[in-house]
Protein backbone atom coordinates (compact mmCIF):
# COMPACT_ATOMS: atom_id res chain seq x y z
CA MET A 1 -59.09 -6.39 24.77
CA ILE A 2 -58.38 -4.39 21.63
CA ASP A 3 -60.30 -6.98 19.62
CA THR A 4 -63.22 -6.70 22.02
CA GLU A 5 -63.39 -2.95 21.55
CA LYS A 6 -63.38 -3.34 17.76
CA GLN A 7 -65.96 -6.13 17.99
CA PHE A 8 -68.14 -3.93 20.23
CA ASP A 9 -67.95 -1.13 17.66
CA THR A 10 -68.85 -3.50 14.81
CA VAL A 11 -71.91 -4.84 16.64
CA ILE A 12 -73.04 -1.34 17.57
CA GLU A 13 -72.59 -0.10 13.99
CA THR A 14 -75.01 -2.81 12.81
CA CYS A 15 -77.49 -1.85 15.52
CA LYS A 16 -77.12 1.86 14.79
CA LYS A 17 -77.85 1.39 11.08
CA ILE A 18 -81.09 -0.40 11.96
CA PHE A 19 -81.98 2.27 14.56
CA GLU A 20 -81.37 5.03 12.02
CA LYS A 21 -83.44 3.35 9.30
CA LYS A 22 -86.31 2.68 11.70
CA THR A 23 -86.13 6.29 12.90
CA ILE A 24 -86.45 7.43 9.30
CA ASP A 25 -89.37 5.01 8.74
CA TYR A 26 -91.25 5.56 12.02
CA GLY A 27 -89.87 8.79 13.42
CA THR A 28 -89.20 8.83 17.13
CA ALA A 29 -92.48 7.22 18.14
CA TRP A 30 -90.48 5.45 20.88
CA ARG A 31 -90.32 8.78 22.76
CA VAL A 32 -93.81 7.97 24.10
CA LEU A 33 -92.51 4.87 25.93
CA ARG A 34 -92.17 5.01 29.69
CA ILE A 35 -89.30 3.17 31.34
CA ILE A 36 -91.48 0.16 32.20
CA SER A 37 -92.64 -0.08 28.59
CA VAL A 38 -89.08 -0.16 27.34
CA ALA A 39 -88.24 -2.84 29.91
CA ASP A 40 -91.26 -4.85 28.79
CA GLN A 41 -90.19 -4.67 25.14
CA ILE A 42 -86.80 -6.06 26.11
CA PHE A 43 -88.49 -8.69 28.29
CA ILE A 44 -90.52 -9.90 25.29
CA LYS A 45 -87.37 -10.14 23.15
CA ALA A 46 -85.39 -11.98 25.85
CA LEU A 47 -88.22 -14.49 26.33
CA ARG A 48 -88.38 -14.88 22.55
CA ILE A 49 -84.68 -15.81 22.49
CA ARG A 50 -85.24 -18.27 25.32
CA ASN A 51 -88.11 -19.85 23.37
CA ILE A 52 -86.04 -20.06 20.18
CA GLN A 53 -83.25 -21.73 22.14
CA ASN A 54 -85.69 -24.39 23.36
CA MET A 55 -87.79 -24.97 20.22
CA GLN A 56 -87.24 -27.57 17.55
CA GLU A 57 -89.76 -25.95 15.19
CA ARG A 58 -91.12 -22.44 15.11
CA MET A 59 -93.83 -20.65 13.20
CA ILE A 60 -92.14 -17.23 13.00
CA ASP A 61 -88.77 -16.91 11.31
CA ASP A 62 -87.16 -14.49 13.79
CA ASP A 63 -83.63 -15.40 14.72
CA ILE A 64 -81.60 -14.95 17.87
CA THR A 65 -79.30 -12.38 16.26
CA SER A 66 -82.13 -9.99 15.35
CA GLU A 67 -83.62 -10.32 18.83
CA PHE A 68 -80.30 -9.38 20.50
CA ILE A 69 -80.03 -6.40 18.14
CA GLY A 70 -83.54 -5.36 19.22
CA ILE A 71 -82.55 -5.69 22.89
CA ILE A 72 -79.53 -3.45 22.33
CA ASN A 73 -81.57 -0.79 20.56
CA TYR A 74 -84.34 -0.85 23.16
CA GLY A 75 -81.72 -0.73 25.92
CA LEU A 76 -80.24 2.38 24.31
CA ILE A 77 -83.73 3.86 24.00
CA GLY A 78 -84.18 3.15 27.72
CA LEU A 79 -81.02 5.10 28.51
CA ILE A 80 -82.19 7.98 26.31
CA GLN A 81 -85.57 8.02 28.02
CA LEU A 82 -83.92 8.06 31.45
CA LYS A 83 -81.68 10.93 30.43
CA THR A 84 -84.44 13.02 28.90
CA ASN A 85 -86.66 12.09 31.87
CA ASN A 86 -89.85 12.72 29.96
CA ALA A 87 -91.82 10.11 28.02
CA THR A 88 -93.78 12.27 25.64
CA VAL A 89 -95.31 12.51 22.22
CA GLU A 90 -92.38 14.32 20.66
CA GLU A 91 -90.84 14.00 17.25
CA LEU A 92 -87.09 14.46 17.32
CA PRO A 93 -85.05 15.15 14.21
CA VAL A 94 -83.12 12.08 13.07
CA ASN A 95 -79.76 13.73 13.76
CA THR A 96 -80.83 14.55 17.34
CA ALA A 97 -82.00 10.98 17.91
CA ILE A 98 -78.68 9.69 16.57
CA LYS A 99 -76.69 11.99 18.88
CA LEU A 100 -78.68 10.76 21.88
CA TYR A 101 -78.13 7.17 20.71
CA GLU A 102 -74.38 7.72 20.37
CA ALA A 103 -74.16 9.25 23.87
CA ALA A 104 -75.93 6.19 25.29
CA VAL A 105 -73.54 3.92 23.35
CA ASP A 106 -70.56 5.82 24.79
CA ALA A 107 -71.81 5.28 28.35
CA SER A 108 -72.30 1.57 27.65
CA LYS A 109 -68.92 1.19 26.00
CA ASP A 110 -67.09 2.96 28.83
CA THR A 111 -68.71 0.63 31.35
CA MET A 112 -67.89 -2.40 29.18
CA LEU A 113 -64.23 -1.43 28.89
CA ASN A 114 -63.89 -0.83 32.64
CA LYS A 115 -65.65 -4.05 33.64
CA ASN A 116 -63.86 -6.02 30.94
CA HIS A 117 -60.55 -4.85 32.36
CA ASP A 118 -61.49 -5.87 35.89
CA TYR A 119 -63.22 -9.15 35.03
CA GLY A 120 -60.69 -10.29 32.43
CA GLU A 121 -63.21 -10.98 29.66
CA ALA A 122 -64.90 -13.76 31.64
CA TRP A 123 -67.94 -13.30 29.37
CA ARG A 124 -66.10 -15.13 26.57
CA GLU A 125 -66.64 -18.37 28.52
CA MET A 126 -70.35 -17.79 29.18
CA SER A 127 -73.22 -19.56 27.50
CA GLN A 128 -75.84 -17.78 25.44
CA ASP A 129 -78.42 -19.13 27.88
CA SER A 130 -76.67 -17.31 30.73
CA PHE A 131 -76.71 -14.01 28.84
CA VAL A 132 -80.46 -14.33 28.37
CA ASP A 133 -81.02 -15.29 32.00
CA LEU A 134 -78.93 -12.34 33.21
CA ILE A 135 -80.85 -9.97 30.94
CA LEU A 136 -84.13 -11.26 32.36
CA MET A 137 -82.78 -10.82 35.91
CA LYS A 138 -81.75 -7.23 35.13
CA LEU A 139 -85.25 -6.55 33.79
CA LEU A 140 -86.81 -7.88 36.99
CA ARG A 141 -84.49 -5.58 38.93
CA ILE A 142 -85.64 -2.61 36.83
CA ARG A 143 -89.26 -3.51 37.61
CA GLN A 144 -88.48 -3.69 41.33
CA ILE A 145 -86.66 -0.35 41.28
CA LEU A 146 -89.67 1.20 39.51
CA ASN A 147 -91.93 -0.31 42.19
CA ASN A 148 -89.68 1.47 44.71
CA ASP A 149 -90.32 4.80 42.94
CA GLY A 150 -86.91 4.65 41.28
CA ARG A 151 -85.01 4.55 44.55
CA THR A 152 -82.44 2.03 45.73
CA LEU A 153 -80.77 1.71 49.11
CA ILE A 154 -77.39 0.30 48.05
CA SER A 155 -77.91 -1.03 44.56
CA GLU A 156 -77.19 0.31 41.10
CA GLY A 157 -79.95 2.27 39.42
CA ILE A 158 -82.03 1.61 36.34
CA ASP A 159 -79.39 3.06 34.03
CA ALA A 160 -76.73 0.59 35.19
CA ASN A 161 -79.12 -2.29 34.56
CA TYR A 162 -79.85 -1.07 31.02
CA ILE A 163 -76.11 -0.74 30.39
CA ASP A 164 -75.52 -4.31 31.56
CA ILE A 165 -78.37 -5.55 29.33
CA ILE A 166 -76.84 -3.77 26.34
CA ASN A 167 -73.38 -5.15 27.05
CA TYR A 168 -74.59 -8.73 27.61
CA SER A 169 -76.35 -8.52 24.26
CA VAL A 170 -73.24 -7.15 22.54
CA PHE A 171 -71.20 -9.99 24.03
CA ALA A 172 -73.75 -12.53 22.80
CA LEU A 173 -73.57 -11.08 19.29
CA ILE A 174 -69.76 -11.11 19.35
CA LEU A 175 -69.81 -14.80 20.24
CA ILE A 176 -72.41 -15.46 17.52
CA ASN A 177 -70.20 -13.64 15.00
CA GLU A 178 -67.24 -15.77 16.11
CA GLY A 179 -69.30 -18.92 15.55
CA LYS A 180 -69.25 -19.89 19.23
CA HIS A 181 -73.00 -19.42 19.79
CA LYS A 182 -75.99 -20.20 17.59
CA ALA A 183 -77.59 -17.42 15.62
């Protein structure tokens, strides 16, 4: 599991560099996004991966790797938005945005390490298709929870679903980096 932790950190470092550069370019325009909007952005990216997986030819040169990176960053934005509990037109300083990002990463990593311990790294045997399908399922759960005014009777909340989406995407990128899945 030590390798997994290092691999997680490597994937997140790549994502964080992109997040930081985009925050410098665009500011924190994402602060205006409501939870459903963040979920919809991830939904678009997950469907894009599914389409890439099924296409022989494509007109846009996006790749699976960049789409999983986008899912991770939007998932982390979703966690930030849940924590701040206020979608607003607000410009945050870059260093504040990065601190919020890192706190969301820490929550995701802690969950990954705990689940990885209990599940014995079963994800290493999963297909890329399954990761995408599970991400889509988690997004549908988020939509349902939002339709229930954010309440659940016995199920995990929106934050747990975002964390799972982030971790599935990290796992997919680890397997891409190992050459076990297509990029």
